[in-house]
Amino acid sequence: MERTSRGFGMCWSGEASAVLAVAGLGTAAYIAVKGESKELWIPLIYFALMASVFPLKEEVPKQSSL
């Protein structure tokens, strides 16, 4: 992770995190509909939701500097 003036940040952009979050949620939905066990798709949903927090976190400082 890289050090920024606001603390530690991710190594990629908010857009990349959003793509990973959408891909993770889509994969989890596909696996759930396919009938795989919960132990596989619930963690995928969790990590996809955690990846979706980063792009949201990046928007807040941009809006507050108006």
N, C-alpha and C. Protein backbone atom coordinates (compact mmCIF):
# COMPACT_ATOMS: atom_id res chain seq x y z
N MET A 1 0.84 -1.18 0.00
CA MET A 1 0.00 0.00 0.00
C MET A 1 0.88 1.23 0.00
N GLU A 2 0.40 2.26 -0.63
CA GLU A 2 1.18 3.48 -0.68
C GLU A 2 0.71 4.46 0.38
N ARG A 3 1.63 5.27 0.83
CA ARG A 3 1.32 6.26 1.87
C ARG A 3 0.89 7.54 1.18
N THR A 4 -0.26 8.07 1.57
CA THR A 4 -0.75 9.34 1.03
C THR A 4 -0.90 10.33 2.17
N SER A 5 -1.26 11.55 1.83
CA SER A 5 -1.43 12.56 2.87
C SER A 5 -2.62 12.25 3.77
N ARG A 6 -3.53 11.40 3.30
CA ARG A 6 -4.70 11.02 4.11
C ARG A 6 -4.50 9.68 4.79
N GLY A 7 -3.33 9.11 4.74
CA GLY A 7 -3.09 7.81 5.34
C GLY A 7 -2.70 6.80 4.29
N PHE A 8 -2.93 5.55 4.56
CA PHE A 8 -2.57 4.50 3.61
C PHE A 8 -3.68 4.34 2.60
N GLY A 9 -3.29 4.21 1.33
CA GLY A 9 -4.27 4.04 0.26
C GLY A 9 -4.03 2.75 -0.50
N MET A 10 -4.99 2.41 -1.31
CA MET A 10 -4.86 1.21 -2.13
C MET A 10 -3.90 1.52 -3.28
N CYS A 11 -3.38 0.48 -3.89
CA CYS A 11 -2.42 0.64 -4.98
C CYS A 11 -3.09 0.88 -6.32
N TRP A 12 -4.41 0.77 -6.39
CA TRP A 12 -5.09 1.01 -7.65
C TRP A 12 -6.17 2.07 -7.46
N SER A 13 -6.80 2.43 -8.54
CA SER A 13 -7.77 3.52 -8.53
C SER A 13 -9.14 3.06 -8.01
N GLY A 14 -9.97 4.04 -7.73
CA GLY A 14 -11.33 3.75 -7.33
C GLY A 14 -12.11 3.04 -8.43
N GLU A 15 -11.81 3.40 -9.68
CA GLU A 15 -12.48 2.75 -10.80
C GLU A 15 -12.14 1.26 -10.87
N ALA A 16 -10.87 0.94 -10.64
CA ALA A 16 -10.46 -0.47 -10.66
C ALA A 16 -11.14 -1.24 -9.53
N SER A 17 -11.26 -0.62 -8.37
CA SER A 17 -11.95 -1.27 -7.25
C SER A 17 -13.42 -1.49 -7.58
N ALA A 18 -14.03 -0.52 -8.25
CA ALA A 18 -15.43 -0.66 -8.63
C ALA A 18 -15.61 -1.82 -9.61
N VAL A 19 -14.69 -1.97 -10.56
CA VAL A 19 -14.76 -3.08 -11.51
C VAL A 19 -14.63 -4.41 -10.78
N LEU A 20 -13.68 -4.49 -9.84
CA LEU A 20 -13.51 -5.72 -9.07
C LEU A 20 -14.74 -6.02 -8.23
N ALA A 21 -15.36 -4.99 -7.67
CA ALA A 21 -16.55 -5.21 -6.86
C ALA A 21 -17.71 -5.74 -7.71
N VAL A 22 -17.91 -5.15 -8.87
CA VAL A 22 -18.99 -5.60 -9.76
C VAL A 22 -18.72 -7.02 -10.25
N ALA A 23 -17.47 -7.29 -10.61
CA ALA A 23 -17.13 -8.64 -11.06
C ALA A 23 -17.32 -9.65 -9.94
N GLY A 24 -16.94 -9.29 -8.73
CA GLY A 24 -17.11 -10.19 -7.59
C GLY A 24 -18.56 -10.46 -7.27
N LEU A 25 -19.37 -9.41 -7.30
CA LEU A 25 -20.81 -9.60 -7.04
C LEU A 25 -21.47 -10.42 -8.14
N GLY A 26 -21.06 -10.18 -9.38
CA GLY A 26 -21.61 -10.97 -10.48
C GLY A 26 -21.23 -12.43 -10.38
N THR A 27 -19.98 -12.69 -10.03
CA THR A 27 -19.53 -14.07 -9.86
C THR A 27 -20.25 -14.74 -8.71
N ALA A 28 -20.40 -14.01 -7.60
CA ALA A 28 -21.10 -14.58 -6.44
C ALA A 28 -22.55 -14.89 -6.78
N ALA A 29 -23.21 -14.00 -7.51
CA ALA A 29 -24.59 -14.24 -7.90
C ALA A 29 -24.70 -15.46 -8.81
N TYR A 30 -23.78 -15.57 -9.76
CA TYR A 30 -23.78 -16.72 -10.67
C TYR A 30 -23.60 -18.02 -9.90
N ILE A 31 -22.65 -18.02 -8.97
CA ILE A 31 -22.37 -19.23 -8.19
C ILE A 31 -23.56 -19.59 -7.30
N ALA A 32 -24.20 -18.56 -6.72
CA ALA A 32 -25.36 -18.82 -5.84
C ALA A 32 -26.52 -19.39 -6.63
N VAL A 33 -26.79 -18.82 -7.81
CA VAL A 33 -27.89 -19.30 -8.64
C VAL A 33 -27.60 -20.71 -9.16
N LYS A 34 -26.34 -20.98 -9.41
CA LYS A 34 -25.94 -22.30 -9.90
C LYS A 34 -26.13 -23.38 -8.83
N GLY A 35 -26.23 -22.98 -7.57
CA GLY A 35 -26.50 -23.93 -6.51
C GLY A 35 -25.28 -24.37 -5.71
N GLU A 36 -24.19 -23.64 -5.84
CA GLU A 36 -22.99 -23.98 -5.07
C GLU A 36 -23.23 -23.68 -3.58
N SER A 37 -22.34 -24.18 -2.75
CA SER A 37 -22.53 -24.02 -1.30
C SER A 37 -22.34 -22.57 -0.86
N LYS A 38 -22.99 -22.23 0.25
CA LYS A 38 -22.89 -20.88 0.81
C LYS A 38 -21.46 -20.53 1.21
N GLU A 39 -20.69 -21.54 1.60
CA GLU A 39 -19.31 -21.28 2.02
C GLU A 39 -18.45 -20.71 0.90
N LEU A 40 -18.90 -20.85 -0.32
CA LEU A 40 -18.16 -20.32 -1.46
C LEU A 40 -18.62 -18.91 -1.83
N TRP A 41 -19.91 -18.69 -1.94
CA TRP A 41 -20.35 -17.40 -2.46
C TRP A 41 -20.55 -16.32 -1.40
N ILE A 42 -20.77 -16.66 -0.14
CA ILE A 42 -20.90 -15.61 0.89
C ILE A 42 -19.58 -14.85 1.07
N PRO A 43 -18.42 -15.52 1.17
CA PRO A 43 -17.18 -14.73 1.25
C PRO A 43 -16.92 -13.88 0.01
N LEU A 44 -17.33 -14.36 -1.17
CA LEU A 44 -17.17 -13.55 -2.37
C LEU A 44 -17.99 -12.26 -2.27
N ILE A 45 -19.20 -12.37 -1.76
CA ILE A 45 -20.03 -11.17 -1.57
C ILE A 45 -19.38 -10.23 -0.57
N TYR A 46 -18.87 -10.77 0.52
CA TYR A 46 -18.21 -9.94 1.54
C TYR A 46 -17.04 -9.16 0.95
N PHE A 47 -16.14 -9.85 0.26
CA PHE A 47 -14.96 -9.17 -0.29
C PHE A 47 -15.33 -8.21 -1.42
N ALA A 48 -16.36 -8.53 -2.18
CA ALA A 48 -16.81 -7.59 -3.22
C ALA A 48 -17.39 -6.34 -2.59
N LEU A 49 -18.12 -6.49 -1.50
CA LEU A 49 -18.65 -5.31 -0.82
C LEU A 49 -17.53 -4.48 -0.20
N MET A 50 -16.51 -5.13 0.33
CA MET A 50 -15.36 -4.41 0.87
C MET A 50 -14.62 -3.66 -0.24
N ALA A 51 -14.53 -4.25 -1.42
CA ALA A 51 -13.89 -3.58 -2.56
C ALA A 51 -14.73 -2.39 -3.02
N SER A 52 -16.04 -2.46 -2.83
CA SER A 52 -16.90 -1.36 -3.26
C SER A 52 -16.83 -0.16 -2.32
N VAL A 53 -16.31 -0.33 -1.13
CA VAL A 53 -16.19 0.78 -0.18
C VAL A 53 -15.11 1.76 -0.64
N PHE A 54 -14.03 1.28 -1.23
CA PHE A 54 -12.92 2.15 -1.62
C PHE A 54 -13.33 3.24 -2.61
N PRO A 55 -14.05 2.94 -3.70
CA PRO A 55 -14.45 4.03 -4.60
C PRO A 55 -15.35 5.06 -3.91
N LEU A 56 -16.19 4.60 -2.99
CA LEU A 56 -17.04 5.54 -2.27
C LEU A 56 -16.21 6.43 -1.35
N LYS A 57 -15.18 5.85 -0.74
CA LYS A 57 -14.31 6.59 0.16
C LYS A 57 -13.54 7.67 -0.61
N GLU A 58 -13.21 7.41 -1.86
CA GLU A 58 -12.47 8.37 -2.66
C GLU A 58 -13.33 9.57 -3.07
N GLU A 59 -14.63 9.38 -3.18
CA GLU A 59 -15.51 10.46 -3.60
C GLU A 59 -15.76 11.48 -2.49
N VAL A 60 -15.75 11.07 -1.25
CA VAL A 60 -16.06 11.98 -0.15
C VAL A 60 -15.07 13.13 -0.05
N PRO A 61 -13.73 12.89 -0.06
CA PRO A 61 -12.80 14.04 0.00
C PRO A 61 -12.92 14.95 -1.21
N LYS A 62 -13.21 14.40 -2.39
CA LYS A 62 -13.36 15.24 -3.57
C LYS A 62 -14.54 16.19 -3.41
N GLN A 63 -15.63 15.70 -2.83
CA GLN A 63 -16.81 16.55 -2.66
C GLN A 63 -16.59 17.59 -1.57
N SER A 64 -15.83 17.26 -0.54
CA SER A 64 -15.66 18.19 0.56
C SER A 64 -14.71 19.32 0.22
N SER A 65 -13.95 19.22 -0.86
CA SER A 65 -13.01 20.29 -1.23
C SER A 65 -13.66 21.34 -2.13
N LEU A 66 -14.97 21.29 -2.31
CA LEU A 66 -15.66 22.25 -3.17
C LEU A 66 -15.68 23.60 -2.58
